[in-house]
Amino acid sequence: MKLSEFGCKPCRNKTSYEFVPKKENRLELAAVARRIEKSGIGIEAETPFLLMLSVKGRKVSLFRNARFLVKSTAEEKTARETAEVLLPLL
């Protein structure tokens, strides 16, 4: 997946960014989790519907529909850089 396939907008609290796929998706999170583990990205929680990750020191919530939140940043550039690390693993 590429960043151009996602819309990006700040969350209402202005301390996170939401990335929403432009086309409908459904991820097999167990397979994604295995790829993420091999890459060295930390998995903090795993359920059939959600992965909680630590990517470049940022908390990321990844949902089964490929939507994800990059938390604890008010800067879009930082959120996009974090997304660029995660997207090749989806």
Protein backbone atom coordinates (compact mmCIF):
# COMPACT_ATOMS: atom_id res chain seq x y z
CA MET A 1 0.00 0.00 0.00
CA LYS A 2 1.09 3.54 -0.70
CA LEU A 3 0.47 6.76 1.18
CA SER A 4 -1.28 8.17 -1.90
CA GLU A 5 -4.00 5.52 -1.36
CA PHE A 6 -4.98 7.14 1.95
CA GLY A 7 -6.66 10.31 3.04
CA CYS A 8 -4.99 12.07 5.97
CA LYS A 9 -6.63 14.40 8.45
CA PRO A 10 -5.98 15.57 12.00
CA CYS A 11 -8.17 14.09 14.71
CA ARG A 12 -10.46 16.42 16.61
CA ASN A 13 -8.06 16.61 19.55
CA LYS A 14 -5.30 17.90 17.19
CA THR A 15 -2.72 15.55 18.74
CA SER A 16 -3.16 12.64 16.31
CA TYR A 17 -3.60 12.02 12.60
CA GLU A 18 -6.03 9.59 11.01
CA PHE A 19 -5.22 7.80 7.75
CA VAL A 20 -8.23 6.35 5.95
CA PRO A 21 -7.93 4.19 2.83
CA LYS A 22 -9.62 5.66 -0.24
CA LYS A 23 -10.77 2.17 -1.26
CA GLU A 24 -12.34 -0.46 0.97
CA ASN A 25 -9.79 -2.84 2.48
CA ARG A 26 -9.72 -5.74 4.89
CA LEU A 27 -6.41 -6.74 6.43
CA GLU A 28 -5.55 -10.14 7.85
CA LEU A 29 -4.10 -8.68 11.04
CA ALA A 30 -2.41 -11.90 12.18
CA ALA A 31 -0.35 -11.98 8.96
CA VAL A 32 0.36 -8.25 9.22
CA ALA A 33 1.49 -8.74 12.82
CA ARG A 34 4.01 -11.40 11.75
CA ARG A 35 5.50 -9.06 9.11
CA ILE A 36 5.61 -6.20 11.61
CA GLU A 37 7.38 -8.34 14.24
CA LYS A 38 10.04 -9.35 11.71
CA SER A 39 10.67 -5.69 10.89
CA GLY A 40 11.43 -4.84 14.52
CA ILE A 41 8.40 -2.61 15.10
CA GLY A 42 6.93 -3.15 18.55
CA ILE A 43 3.49 -4.69 18.92
CA GLU A 44 1.90 -3.59 22.18
CA ALA A 45 -1.48 -5.32 21.71
CA GLU A 46 -3.01 -7.63 19.14
CA THR A 47 -6.66 -8.55 18.61
CA PRO A 48 -8.53 -9.79 15.51
CA PHE A 49 -9.72 -6.18 14.97
CA LEU A 50 -6.80 -3.98 16.08
CA LEU A 51 -3.03 -3.81 16.41
CA MET A 52 -1.48 -1.32 18.81
CA LEU A 53 2.04 -0.53 17.63
CA SER A 54 5.08 1.58 18.41
CA VAL A 55 6.52 2.97 15.16
CA LYS A 56 9.49 5.34 15.32
CA GLY A 57 8.56 6.13 18.93
CA ARG A 58 4.95 6.96 17.97
CA LYS A 59 1.89 5.01 19.11
CA VAL A 60 -0.14 3.72 16.16
CA SER A 61 -3.53 2.00 16.19
CA LEU A 62 -4.08 -0.13 13.07
CA PHE A 63 -7.58 -1.41 12.35
CA ARG A 64 -8.68 -4.37 10.23
CA ASN A 65 -10.13 -2.05 7.56
CA ALA A 66 -6.59 -0.56 7.07
CA ARG A 67 -7.51 2.70 8.82
CA PHE A 68 -4.85 3.79 11.28
CA LEU A 69 -4.15 6.55 13.77
CA VAL A 70 -0.71 8.03 14.41
CA LYS A 71 -0.92 9.38 17.93
CA SER A 72 0.93 12.03 19.93
CA THR A 73 1.87 14.35 17.10
CA ALA A 74 0.36 17.62 15.98
CA GLU A 75 2.61 17.69 12.90
CA GLU A 76 1.32 16.16 9.67
CA LYS A 77 4.88 15.69 8.37
CA THR A 78 5.76 13.51 11.38
CA ALA A 79 2.56 11.49 11.00
CA ARG A 80 3.27 10.92 7.29
CA GLU A 81 6.86 9.83 8.01
CA THR A 82 5.52 7.31 10.52
CA ALA A 83 2.95 6.07 8.00
CA GLU A 84 5.66 5.58 5.35
CA VAL A 85 7.42 3.13 7.70
CA LEU A 86 4.25 1.14 8.37
CA LEU A 87 2.59 0.99 4.93
CA PRO A 88 5.04 -1.38 3.17
CA LEU A 89 4.27 -3.98 5.86
CA LEU A 90 0.53 -4.00 5.23
